[in-house]
PDB file of N, CA and C in Angstrom:
ATOM      1  N   GLN A   1      98.476  16.935 137.996  1.00  0.00           N
ATOM      2  CA  GLN A   1      97.363  17.091 137.081  1.00  0.00           C
ATOM      3  C   GLN A   1      96.687  15.751 136.824  1.00  0.00           C
ATOM      4  N   VAL A   2      95.412  15.830 136.568  1.00  0.00           N
ATOM      5  CA  VAL A   2      94.615  14.652 136.261  1.00  0.00           C
ATOM      6  C   VAL A   2      93.972  14.842 134.900  1.00  0.00           C
ATOM      7  N   GLN A   3      93.992  13.806 134.107  1.00  0.00           N
ATOM      8  CA  GLN A   3      93.286  13.829 132.832  1.00  0.00           C
ATOM      9  C   GLN A   3      92.177  12.787 132.892  1.00  0.00           C
ATOM     10  N   LEU A   4      90.995  13.191 132.461  1.00  0.00           N
ATOM     11  CA  LEU A   4      89.856  12.286 132.353  1.00  0.00           C
ATOM     12  C   LEU A   4      89.499  12.160 130.875  1.00  0.00           C
ATOM     13  N   VAL A   5      89.397  10.931 130.411  1.00  0.00           N
ATOM     14  CA  VAL A   5      89.069  10.696 129.007  1.00  0.00           C
ATOM     15  C   VAL A   5      87.867   9.773 128.929  1.00  0.00           C
ATOM     16  N   GLU A   6      86.794  10.280 128.326  1.00  0.00           N
ATOM     17  CA  GLU A   6      85.595   9.469 128.113  1.00  0.00           C
ATOM     18  C   GLU A   6      85.684   8.752 126.772  1.00  0.00           C
ATOM     19  N   SER A   7      85.068   7.604 126.715  1.00  0.00           N
ATOM     20  CA  SER A   7      84.987   6.845 125.475  1.00  0.00           C
ATOM     21  C   SER A   7      83.723   6.006 125.503  1.00  0.00           C
ATOM     22  N   GLY A   8      83.366   5.473 124.341  1.00  0.00           N
ATOM     23  CA  GLY A   8      82.223   4.580 124.255  1.00  0.00           C
ATOM     24  C   GLY A   8      80.973   5.190 123.668  1.00  0.00           C
ATOM     25  N   GLY A   9      81.007   6.478 123.371  1.00  0.00           N
ATOM     26  CA  GLY A   9      79.852   7.102 122.763  1.00  0.00           C
ATOM     27  C   GLY A   9      79.703   6.704 121.305  1.00  0.00           C
ATOM     28  N   GLY A  10      78.597   7.142 120.715  1.00  0.00           N
ATOM     29  CA  GLY A  10      78.367   6.836 119.314  1.00  0.00           C
ATOM     30  C   GLY A  10      76.908   6.973 118.955  1.00  0.00           C
ATOM     31  N   LEU A  11      76.576   6.441 117.794  1.00  0.00           N
ATOM     32  CA  LEU A  11      75.206   6.460 117.276  1.00  0.00           C
ATOM     33  C   LEU A  11      74.560   5.110 117.551  1.00  0.00           C
ATOM     34  N   VAL A  12      73.389   5.135 118.140  1.00  0.00           N
ATOM     35  CA  VAL A  12      72.683   3.900 118.462  1.00  0.00           C
ATOM     36  C   VAL A  12      71.194   4.101 118.203  1.00  0.00           C
ATOM     37  N   GLN A  13      70.524   3.034 117.841  1.00  0.00           N
ATOM     38  CA  GLN A  13      69.083   3.106 117.596  1.00  0.00           C
ATOM     39  C   GLN A  13      68.322   3.108 118.921  1.00  0.00           C
ATOM     40  N   PRO A  14      67.129   3.660 118.924  1.00  0.00           N
ATOM     41  CA  PRO A  14      66.308   3.588 120.144  1.00  0.00           C
ATOM     42  C   PRO A  14      66.161   2.150 120.619  1.00  0.00           C
ATOM     43  N   GLY A  15      66.276   1.982 121.937  1.00  0.00           N
ATOM     44  CA  GLY A  15      66.226   0.654 122.516  1.00  0.00           C
ATOM     45  C   GLY A  15      67.584  -0.015 122.634  1.00  0.00           C
ATOM     46  N   GLY A  16      68.590   0.583 122.031  1.00  0.00           N
ATOM     47  CA  GLY A  16      69.927   0.017 122.075  1.00  0.00           C
ATOM     48  C   GLY A  16      70.675   0.341 123.354  1.00  0.00           C
ATOM     49  N   SER A  17      71.921  -0.110 123.410  1.00  0.00           N
ATOM     50  CA  SER A  17      72.751   0.063 124.607  1.00  0.00           C
ATOM     51  C   SER A  17      74.132   0.598 124.238  1.00  0.00           C
ATOM     52  N   LEU A  18      74.700   1.300 125.180  1.00  0.00           N
ATOM     53  CA  LEU A  18      76.085   1.750 125.090  1.00  0.00           C
ATOM     54  C   LEU A  18      76.701   1.691 126.476  1.00  0.00           C
ATOM     55  N   ARG A  19      78.002   1.521 126.513  1.00  0.00           N
ATOM     56  CA  ARG A  19      78.734   1.572 127.773  1.00  0.00           C
ATOM     57  C   ARG A  19      79.817   2.638 127.660  1.00  0.00           C
ATOM     58  N   LEU A  20      79.683   3.663 128.465  1.00  0.00           N
ATOM     59  CA  LEU A  20      80.671   4.726 128.495  1.00  0.00           C
ATOM     60  C   LEU A  20      81.731   4.432 129.543  1.00  0.00           C
ATOM     61  N   SER A  21      82.958   4.833 129.244  1.00  0.00           N
ATOM     62  CA  SER A  21      84.067   4.707 130.188  1.00  0.00           C
ATOM     63  C   SER A  21      84.674   6.071 130.439  1.00  0.00           C
ATOM     64  N   CYS A  22      85.159   6.273 131.635  1.00  0.00           N
ATOM     65  CA  CYS A  22      85.852   7.504 132.024  1.00  0.00           C
ATOM     66  C   CYS A  22      87.153   7.059 132.677  1.00  0.00           C
ATOM     67  N   ALA A  23      88.248   7.196 131.952  1.00  0.00           N
ATOM     68  CA  ALA A  23      89.543   6.732 132.431  1.00  0.00           C
ATOM     69  C   ALA A  23      90.366   7.908 132.942  1.00  0.00           C
ATOM     70  N   ALA A  24      90.876   7.758 134.144  1.00  0.00           N
ATOM     71  CA  ALA A  24      91.708   8.798 134.750  1.00  0.00           C
ATOM     72  C   ALA A  24      93.180   8.442 134.590  1.00  0.00           C
ATOM     73  N   SER A  25      93.991   9.442 134.282  1.00  0.00           N
ATOM     74  CA  SER A  25      95.431   9.248 134.184  1.00  0.00           C
ATOM     75  C   SER A  25      96.141  10.470 134.752  1.00  0.00           C
ATOM     76  N   GLY A  26      97.447  10.339 134.899  1.00  0.00           N
ATOM     77  CA  GLY A  26      98.216  11.417 135.507  1.00  0.00           C
ATOM     78  C   GLY A  26      98.395  11.157 136.987  1.00  0.00           C
ATOM     79  N   SER A  27      98.238  12.187 137.786  1.00  0.00           N
ATOM     80  CA  SER A  27      98.380  12.065 139.242  1.00  0.00           C
ATOM     81  C   SER A  27      97.060  11.591 139.839  1.00  0.00           C
ATOM     82  N   VAL A  28      96.830  10.290 139.798  1.00  0.00           N
ATOM     83  CA  VAL A  28      95.525   9.742 140.167  1.00  0.00           C
ATOM     84  C   VAL A  28      95.451   9.242 141.600  1.00  0.00           C
ATOM     85  N   ALA A  29      96.540   9.254 142.328  1.00  0.00           N
ATOM     86  CA  ALA A  29      96.495   8.802 143.718  1.00  0.00           C
ATOM     87  C   ALA A  29      95.512   9.673 144.496  1.00  0.00           C
ATOM     88  N   GLY A  30      94.551   9.030 145.136  1.00  0.00           N
ATOM     89  CA  GLY A  30      93.569   9.764 145.922  1.00  0.00           C
ATOM     90  C   GLY A  30      92.442  10.355 145.113  1.00  0.00           C
ATOM     91  N   ILE A  31      92.330   9.979 143.851  1.00  0.00           N
ATOM     92  CA  ILE A  31      91.273  10.533 143.017  1.00  0.00           C
ATOM     93  C   ILE A  31      89.920   9.996 143.473  1.00  0.00           C
ATOM     94  N   TYR A  32      88.901  10.794 143.325  1.00  0.00           N
ATOM     95  CA  TYR A  32      87.557  10.457 143.767  1.00  0.00           C
ATOM     96  C   TYR A  32      86.583  10.780 142.635  1.00  0.00           C
ATOM     97  N   PHE A  33      86.065   9.727 142.001  1.00  0.00           N
ATOM     98  CA  PHE A  33      85.081   9.931 140.945  1.00  0.00           C
ATOM     99  C   PHE A  33      83.779  10.442 141.537  1.00  0.00           C
ATOM    100  N   ILE A  34      83.115  11.332 140.800  1.00  0.00           N
ATOM    101  CA  ILE A  34      81.826  11.857 141.240  1.00  0.00           C
ATOM    102  C   ILE A  34      80.694  11.305 140.392  1.00  0.00           C
ATOM    103  N   GLY A  35      80.750  11.482 139.087  1.00  0.00           N
ATOM    104  CA  GLY A  35      79.649  10.966 138.294  1.00  0.00           C
ATOM    105  C   GLY A  35      79.672  11.384 136.850  1.00  0.00           C
ATOM    106  N   TRP A  36      78.544  11.138 136.222  1.00  0.00           N
ATOM    107  CA  TRP A  36      78.315  11.442 134.816  1.00  0.00           C
ATOM    108  C   TRP A  36      77.273  12.551 134.688  1.00  0.00           C
ATOM    109  N   PHE A  37      77.523  13.414 133.710  1.00  0.00           N
ATOM    110  CA  PHE A  37      76.621  14.519 133.423  1.00  0.00           C
ATOM    111  C   PHE A  37      76.414  14.562 131.917  1.00  0.00           C
ATOM    112  N   ARG A  38      75.357  15.218 131.478  1.00  0.00           N
ATOM    113  CA  ARG A  38      75.127  15.324 130.039  1.00  0.00           C
ATOM    114  C   ARG A  38      74.573  16.680 129.690  1.00  0.00           C
ATOM    115  N   GLN A  39      74.856  17.086 128.457  1.00  0.00           N
ATOM    116  CA  GLN A  39      74.378  18.371 127.974  1.00  0.00           C
ATOM    117  C   GLN A  39      73.908  18.219 126.546  1.00  0.00           C
ATOM    118  N   ALA A  40      72.629  18.470 126.336  1.00  0.00           N
ATOM    119  CA  ALA A  40      72.058  18.463 124.999  1.00  0.00           C
ATOM    120  C   ALA A  40      72.190  19.866 124.413  1.00  0.00           C
ATOM    121  N   PRO A  41      72.144  19.991 123.078  1.00  0.00           N
ATOM    122  CA  PRO A  41      72.285  21.306 122.448  1.00  0.00           C
ATOM    123  C   PRO A  41      71.259  22.304 122.975  1.00  0.00           C
ATOM    124  N   GLY A  42      71.741  23.467 123.372  1.00  0.00           N
ATOM    125  CA  GLY A  42      70.855  24.523 123.841  1.00  0.00           C
ATOM    126  C   GLY A  42      70.326  24.338 125.241  1.00  0.00           C
ATOM    127  N   GLN A  43      70.822  23.312 125.926  1.00  0.00           N
ATOM    128  CA  GLN A  43      70.337  23.050 127.275  1.00  0.00           C
ATOM    129  C   GLN A  43      71.496  23.103 128.272  1.00  0.00           C
ATOM    130  N   GLN A  44      71.157  23.172 129.533  1.00  0.00           N
ATOM    131  CA  GLN A  44      72.183  23.186 130.569  1.00  0.00           C
ATOM    132  C   GLN A  44      72.680  21.762 130.804  1.00  0.00           C
ATOM    133  N   ARG A  45      73.840  21.684 131.454  1.00  0.00           N
ATOM    134  CA  ARG A  45      74.389  20.376 131.798  1.00  0.00           C
ATOM    135  C   ARG A  45      73.658  19.845 133.020  1.00  0.00           C
ATOM    136  N   ASP A  46      73.214  18.610 132.914  1.00  0.00           N
ATOM    137  CA  ASP A  46      72.444  17.982 133.983  1.00  0.00           C
ATOM    138  C   ASP A  46      73.149  16.744 134.519  1.00  0.00           C
ATOM    139  N   MET A  47      72.911  16.452 135.771  1.00  0.00           N
ATOM    140  CA  MET A  47      73.420  15.240 136.382  1.00  0.00           C
ATOM    141  C   MET A  47      72.693  14.043 135.814  1.00  0.00           C
ATOM    142  N   VAL A  48      73.439  13.004 135.479  1.00  0.00           N
ATOM    143  CA  VAL A  48      72.856  11.745 135.029  1.00  0.00           C
ATOM    144  C   VAL A  48      72.917  10.721 136.160  1.00  0.00           C
ATOM    145  N   ALA A  49      74.116  10.544 136.726  1.00  0.00           N
ATOM    146  CA  ALA A  49      74.315   9.558 137.789  1.00  0.00           C
ATOM    147  C   ALA A  49      75.563   9.921 138.579  1.00  0.00           C
ATOM    148  N   THR A  50      75.521   9.664 139.867  1.00  0.00           N
ATOM    149  CA  THR A  50      76.681   9.884 140.721  1.00  0.00           C
ATOM    150  C   THR A  50      76.946   8.654 141.569  1.00  0.00           C
ATOM    151  N   ILE A  51      78.192   8.528 141.997  1.00  0.00           N
ATOM    152  CA  ILE A  51      78.583   7.408 142.848  1.00  0.00           C
ATOM    153  C   ILE A  51      79.504   7.961 143.927  1.00  0.00           C
ATOM    154  N   ILE A  52      79.161   7.692 145.184  1.00  0.00           N
ATOM    155  CA  ILE A  52      79.938   8.267 146.272  1.00  0.00           C
ATOM    156  C   ILE A  52      80.701   7.178 147.006  1.00  0.00           C
ATOM    157  N   SER A  53      81.519   7.611 147.945  1.00  0.00           N
ATOM    158  CA  SER A  53      82.313   6.682 148.723  1.00  0.00           C
ATOM    159  C   SER A  53      81.427   5.604 149.323  1.00  0.00           C
ATOM    160  N   GLY A  54      81.842   4.368 149.197  1.00  0.00           N
ATOM    161  CA  GLY A  54      81.043   3.256 149.689  1.00  0.00           C
ATOM    162  C   GLY A  54      80.185   2.658 148.597  1.00  0.00           C
ATOM    163  N   GLY A  55      80.097   3.355 147.476  1.00  0.00           N
ATOM    164  CA  GLY A  55      79.372   2.809 146.339  1.00  0.00           C
ATOM    165  C   GLY A  55      77.924   3.222 146.215  1.00  0.00           C
ATOM    166  N   THR A  56      77.461   4.101 147.079  1.00  0.00           N
ATOM    167  CA  THR A  56      76.067   4.558 146.964  1.00  0.00           C
ATOM    168  C   THR A  56      75.874   5.337 145.673  1.00  0.00           C
ATOM    169  N   THR A  57      74.825   5.010 144.952  1.00  0.00           N
ATOM    170  CA  THR A  57      74.565   5.638 143.661  1.00  0.00           C
ATOM    171  C   THR A  57      73.294   6.480 143.692  1.00  0.00           C
ATOM    172  N   ASN A  58      73.261   7.433 142.776  1.00  0.00           N
ATOM    173  CA  ASN A  58      72.089   8.293 142.633  1.00  0.00           C
ATOM    174  C   ASN A  58      71.880   8.540 141.149  1.00  0.00           C
ATOM    175  N   TYR A  59      70.624   8.542 140.722  1.00  0.00           N
ATOM    176  CA  TYR A  59      70.319   8.687 139.302  1.00  0.00           C
ATOM    177  C   TYR A  59      69.267   9.774 139.078  1.00  0.00           C
ATOM    178  N   ALA A  60      69.369  10.404 137.935  1.00  0.00           N
ATOM    179  CA  ALA A  60      68.298  11.292 137.507  1.00  0.00           C
ATOM    180  C   ALA A  60      67.055  10.442 137.272  1.00  0.00           C
ATOM    181  N   ASP A  61      65.895  10.995 137.545  1.00  0.00           N
ATOM    182  CA  ASP A  61      64.657  10.236 137.393  1.00  0.00           C
ATOM    183  C   ASP A  61      64.498   9.709 135.970  1.00  0.00           C
ATOM    184  N   SER A  62      64.968  10.468 134.999  1.00  0.00           N
ATOM    185  CA  SER A  62      64.768  10.101 133.600  1.00  0.00           C
ATOM    186  C   SER A  62      65.567   8.864 133.184  1.00  0.00           C
ATOM    187  N   VAL A  63      66.560   8.479 133.969  1.00  0.00           N
ATOM    188  CA  VAL A  63      67.393   7.333 133.578  1.00  0.00           C
ATOM    189  C   VAL A  63      67.301   6.169 134.555  1.00  0.00           C
ATOM    190  N   LYS A  64      66.570   6.341 135.635  1.00  0.00           N
ATOM    191  CA  LYS A  64      66.440   5.269 136.628  1.00  0.00           C
ATOM    192  C   LYS A  64      65.892   4.002 135.985  1.00  0.00           C
ATOM    193  N   GLY A  65      66.531   2.885 136.300  1.00  0.00           N
ATOM    194  CA  GLY A  65      66.110   1.609 135.758  1.00  0.00           C
ATOM    195  C   GLY A  65      66.695   1.289 134.398  1.00  0.00           C
ATOM    196  N   ARG A  66      67.351   2.282 133.775  1.00  0.00           N
ATOM    197  CA  ARG A  66      67.941   2.065 132.445  1.00  0.00           C
ATOM    198  C   ARG A  66      69.469   2.203 132.469  1.00  0.00           C
ATOM    199  N   PHE A  67      69.976   3.109 133.292  1.00  0.00           N
ATOM    200  CA  PHE A  67      71.413   3.374 133.369  1.00  0.00           C
ATOM    201  C   PHE A  67      71.976   2.829 134.672  1.00  0.00           C
ATOM    202  N   THR A  68      73.244   2.402 134.612  1.00  0.00           N
ATOM    203  CA  THR A  68      73.940   1.927 135.805  1.00  0.00           C
ATOM    204  C   THR A  68      75.345   2.512 135.845  1.00  0.00           C
ATOM    205  N   ILE A  69      75.663   3.175 136.941  1.00  0.00           N
ATOM    206  CA  ILE A  69      77.007   3.732 137.119  1.00  0.00           C
ATOM    207  C   ILE A  69      77.824   2.772 137.976  1.00  0.00           C
ATOM    208  N   SER A  70      79.102   2.657 137.647  1.00  0.00           N
ATOM    209  CA  SER A  70      79.991   1.801 138.425  1.00  0.00           C
ATOM    210  C   SER A  70      81.410   2.325 138.290  1.00  0.00           C
ATOM    211  N   ARG A  71      82.298   1.786 139.068  1.00  0.00           N
ATOM    212  CA  ARG A  71      83.702   2.204 138.982  1.00  0.00           C
ATOM    213  C   ARG A  71      84.592   1.024 139.310  1.00  0.00           C
ATOM    214  N   ASP A  72      85.805   1.094 138.764  1.00  0.00           N
ATOM    215  CA  ASP A  72      86.833   0.105 139.045  1.00  0.00           C
ATOM    216  C   ASP A  72      88.033   0.881 139.578  1.00  0.00           C
ATOM    217  N   ASN A  73      88.184   0.906 140.877  1.00  0.00           N
ATOM    218  CA  ASN A  73      89.246   1.718 141.478  1.00  0.00           C
ATOM    219  C   ASN A  73      90.636   1.245 141.060  1.00  0.00           C
ATOM    220  N   ALA A  74      90.787  -0.054 140.846  1.00  0.00           N
ATOM    221  CA  ALA A  74      92.086  -0.585 140.437  1.00  0.00           C
ATOM    222  C   ALA A  74      92.493  -0.077 139.061  1.00  0.00           C
ATOM    223  N   LYS A  75      91.497   0.201 138.233  1.00  0.00           N
ATOM    224  CA  LYS A  75      91.760   0.692 136.877  1.00  0.00           C
ATOM    225  C   LYS A  75      91.571   2.196 136.757  1.00  0.00           C
ATOM    226  N   ASN A  76      91.230   2.843 137.865  1.00  0.00           N
ATOM    227  CA  ASN A  76      90.971   4.289 137.837  1.00  0.00           C
ATOM    228  C   ASN A  76      89.984   4.647 136.734  1.00  0.00           C
ATOM    229  N   THR A  77      88.928   3.880 136.651  1.00  0.00           N
ATOM    230  CA  THR A  77      87.942   4.054 135.591  1.00  0.00           C
ATOM    231  C   THR A  77      86.536   3.986 136.155  1.00  0.00           C
ATOM    232  N   MET A  78      85.693   4.841 135.620  1.00  0.00           N
ATOM    233  CA  MET A  78      84.266   4.844 135.969  1.00  0.00           C
ATOM    234  C   MET A  78      83.476   4.524 134.716  1.00  0.00           C
ATOM    235  N   TYR A  79      82.346   3.877 134.893  1.00  0.00           N
ATOM    236  CA  TYR A  79      81.550   3.432 133.748  1.00  0.00           C
ATOM    237  C   TYR A  79      80.112   3.923 133.865  1.00  0.00           C
ATOM    238  N   LEU A  80      79.454   3.958 132.712  1.00  0.00           N
ATOM    239  CA  LEU A  80      78.016   4.212 132.669  1.00  0.00           C
ATOM    240  C   LEU A  80      77.420   3.257 131.645  1.00  0.00           C
ATOM    241  N   GLN A  81      76.729   2.252 132.141  1.00  0.00           N
ATOM    242  CA  GLN A  81      76.024   1.328 131.264  1.00  0.00           C
ATOM    243  C   GLN A  81      74.656   1.916 130.967  1.00  0.00           C
ATOM    244  N   MET A  82      74.362   2.098 129.697  1.00  0.00           N
ATOM    245  CA  MET A  82      73.114   2.724 129.284  1.00  0.00           C
ATOM    246  C   MET A  82      72.316   1.738 128.442  1.00  0.00           C
ATOM    247  N   ASN A  83      71.154   1.353 128.930  1.00  0.00           N
ATOM    248  CA  ASN A  83      70.281   0.414 128.226  1.00  0.00           C
ATOM    249  C   ASN A  83      68.972   1.091 127.849  1.00  0.00           C
ATOM    250  N   ASN A  84      68.287   0.484 126.897  1.00  0.00           N
ATOM    251  CA  ASN A  84      66.990   1.006 126.448  1.00  0.00           C
ATOM    252  C   ASN A  84      67.086   2.509 126.161  1.00  0.00           C
ATOM    253  N   LEU A  85      68.056   2.871 125.370  1.00  0.00           N
ATOM    254  CA  LEU A  85      68.288   4.285 125.083  1.00  0.00           C
ATOM    255  C   LEU A  85      67.126   4.881 124.302  1.00  0.00           C
ATOM    256  N   LYS A  86      66.882   6.151 124.586  1.00  0.00           N
ATOM    257  CA  LYS A  86      65.795   6.892 123.957  1.00  0.00           C
ATOM    258  C   LYS A  86      66.364   8.116 123.228  1.00  0.00           C
ATOM    259  N   PRO A  87      65.644   8.621 122.241  1.00  0.00           N
ATOM    260  CA  PRO A  87      66.147   9.814 121.536  1.00  0.00           C
ATOM    261  C   PRO A  87      66.456  10.974 122.482  1.00  0.00           C
ATOM    262  N   GLU A  88      65.710  11.100 123.545  1.00  0.00           N
ATOM    263  CA  GLU A  88      65.952  12.196 124.489  1.00  0.00           C
ATOM    264  C   GLU A  88      67.220  12.006 125.314  1.00  0.00           C
ATOM    265  N   ASP A  89      67.875  10.868 125.179  1.00  0.00           N
ATOM    266  CA  ASP A  89      69.172  10.663 125.835  1.00  0.00           C
ATOM    267  C   ASP A  89      70.314  11.247 125.010  1.00  0.00           C
ATOM    268  N   THR A  90      70.020  11.719 123.807  1.00  0.00           N
ATOM    269  CA  THR A  90      71.051  12.306 122.954  1.00  0.00           C
ATOM    270  C   THR A  90      71.674  13.525 123.622  1.00  0.00           C
ATOM    271  N   ALA A  91      73.001  13.496 123.762  1.00  0.00           N
ATOM    272  CA  ALA A  91      73.709  14.578 124.444  1.00  0.00           C
ATOM    273  C   ALA A  91      75.204  14.279 124.420  1.00  0.00           C
ATOM    274  N   VAL A  92      75.974  15.253 124.868  1.00  0.00           N
ATOM    275  CA  VAL A  92      77.388  15.026 125.163  1.00  0.00           C
ATOM    276  C   VAL A  92      77.487  14.627 126.625  1.00  0.00           C
ATOM    277  N   TYR A  93      78.091  13.480 126.860  1.00  0.00           N
ATOM    278  CA  TYR A  93      78.214  12.941 128.210  1.00  0.00           C
ATOM    279  C   TYR A  93      79.639  13.192 128.720  1.00  0.00           C
ATOM    280  N   SER A  94      79.715  13.741 129.917  1.00  0.00           N
ATOM    281  CA  SER A  94      81.007  14.052 130.523  1.00  0.00           C
ATOM    282  C   SER A  94      81.086  13.450 131.917  1.00  0.00           C
ATOM    283  N   CYS A  95      82.307  13.137 132.324  1.00  0.00           N
ATOM    284  CA  CYS A  95      82.515  12.636 133.676  1.00  0.00           C
ATOM    285  C   CYS A  95      83.337  13.646 134.462  1.00  0.00           C
ATOM    286  N   ASN A  96      83.276  13.546 135.774  1.00  0.00           N
ATOM    287  CA  ASN A  96      84.127  14.402 136.590  1.00  0.00           C
ATOM    288  C   ASN A  96      84.647  13.663 137.809  1.00  0.00           C
ATOM    289  N   ALA A  97      85.679  14.247 138.398  1.00  0.00           N
ATOM    290  CA  ALA A  97      86.334  13.642 139.552  1.00  0.00           C
ATOM    291  C   ALA A  97      87.035  14.740 140.333  1.00  0.00           C
ATOM    292  N   VAL A  98      87.329  14.432 141.581  1.00  0.00           N
ATOM    293  CA  VAL A  98      88.019  15.383 142.453  1.00  0.00           C
ATOM    294  C   VAL A  98      89.312  14.763 142.950  1.00  0.00           C
ATOM    295  N   ARG A  99      90.344  15.575 142.977  1.00  0.00           N
ATOM    296  CA  ARG A  99      91.602  15.149 143.575  1.00  0.00           C
ATOM    297  C   ARG A  99      92.277  16.372 144.175  1.00  0.00           C
ATOM    298  N   GLY A 100      92.671  16.259 145.410  1.00  0.00           N
ATOM    299  CA  GLY A 100      93.354  17.366 146.064  1.00  0.00           C
ATOM    300  C   GLY A 100      92.515  18.626 146.138  1.00  0.00           C
ATOM    301  N   GLY A 101      91.210  18.452 146.227  1.00  0.00           N
ATOM    302  CA  GLY A 101      90.326  19.602 146.324  1.00  0.00           C
ATOM    303  C   GLY A 101      90.028  20.282 144.999  1.00  0.00           C
ATOM    304  N   LYS A 102      90.512  19.725 143.919  1.00  0.00           N
ATOM    305  CA  LYS A 102      90.286  20.314 142.597  1.00  0.00           C
ATOM    306  C   LYS A 102      89.373  19.414 141.791  1.00  0.00           C
ATOM    307  N   LEU A 103      88.425  20.039 141.095  1.00  0.00           N
ATOM    308  CA  LEU A 103      87.470  19.320 140.268  1.00  0.00           C
ATOM    309  C   LEU A 103      87.984  19.224 138.833  1.00  0.00           C
ATOM    310  N   TYR A 104      87.933  18.027 138.295  1.00  0.00           N
ATOM    311  CA  TYR A 104      88.371  17.781 136.924  1.00  0.00           C
ATOM    312  C   TYR A 104      87.198  17.274 136.096  1.00  0.00           C
ATOM    313  N   TRP A 105      87.197  17.680 134.812  1.00  0.00           N
ATOM    314  CA  TRP A 105      86.184  17.222 133.855  1.00  0.00           C
ATOM    315  C   TRP A 105      86.873  16.602 132.650  1.00  0.00           C
ATOM    316  N   GLY A 106      86.215  15.621 132.071  1.00  0.00           N
ATOM    317  CA  GLY A 106      86.660  15.106 130.802  1.00  0.00           C
ATOM    318  C   GLY A 106      86.137  15.981 129.675  1.00  0.00           C
ATOM    319  N   GLN A 107      86.541  15.641 128.450  1.00  0.00           N
ATOM    320  CA  GLN A 107      86.159  16.471 127.299  1.00  0.00           C
ATOM    321  C   GLN A 107      84.784  16.112 126.767  1.00  0.00           C
ATOM    322  N   GLY A 108      84.282  14.970 127.183  1.00  0.00           N
ATOM    323  CA  GLY A 108      82.944  14.558 126.769  1.00  0.00           C
ATOM    324  C   GLY A 108      82.958  13.606 125.587  1.00  0.00           C
ATOM    325  N   THR A 109      81.894  12.821 125.500  1.00  0.00           N
ATOM    326  CA  THR A 109      81.708  11.915 124.379  1.00  0.00           C
ATOM    327  C   THR A 109      80.270  12.025 123.903  1.00  0.00           C
ATOM    328  N   GLN A 110      80.084  12.069 122.602  1.00  0.00           N
ATOM    329  CA  GLN A 110      78.749  12.273 122.025  1.00  0.00           C
ATOM    330  C   GLN A 110      77.973  10.967 121.997  1.00  0.00           C
ATOM    331  N   VAL A 111      76.760  11.022 122.474  1.00  0.00           N
ATOM    332  CA  VAL A 111      75.816   9.908 122.363  1.00  0.00           C
ATOM    333  C   VAL A 111      74.624  10.405 121.554  1.00  0.00           C
ATOM    334  N   THR A 112      74.345   9.709 120.471  1.00  0.00           N
ATOM    335  CA  THR A 112      73.220  10.068 119.614  1.00  0.00           C
ATOM    336  C   THR A 112      72.311   8.857 119.476  1.00  0.00           C
ATOM    337  N   VAL A 113      71.057   9.042 119.844  1.00  0.00           N
ATOM    338  CA  VAL A 113      70.068   7.965 119.765  1.00  0.00           C
ATOM    339  C   VAL A 113      69.075   8.346 118.675  1.00  0.00           C
ATOM    340  N   SER A 114      69.131   7.592 117.598  1.00  0.00           N
ATOM    341  CA  SER A 114      68.292   7.930 116.450  1.00  0.00           C
ATOM    342  C   SER A 114      68.108   6.710 115.568  1.00  0.00           C
ATOM    343  N   SER A 115      66.938   6.645 114.934  1.00  0.00           N
ATOM    344  CA  SER A 115      66.696   5.565 113.993  1.00  0.00           C
ATOM    345  C   SER A 115      67.040   6.003 112.574  1.00  0.00           C
TER     346      SER A 115
END
């Protein structure tokens, strides 16, 4: 089993920054991080950023130039640096990963952007 735990969310003013972490524990040998997703109230879950083997990244148009996804394989952790946050970035942010052909999700962390 794999457990994914997100952290780093919170309340921030517009224009502020947050860094989210997604830490994997348990049977992590061979784990493969996929990316970050977010879900605002009453909306579907959308892709925010993904990172594939070799480090190639992909971002939703709404966050390009503001968010950066990265990972530290030695620490089994994936990150999402979020800069110049906007109220429309308010959502629950979740990470996911694959191991042994099974997809795992974290429980999510709330990000609220408000003045």
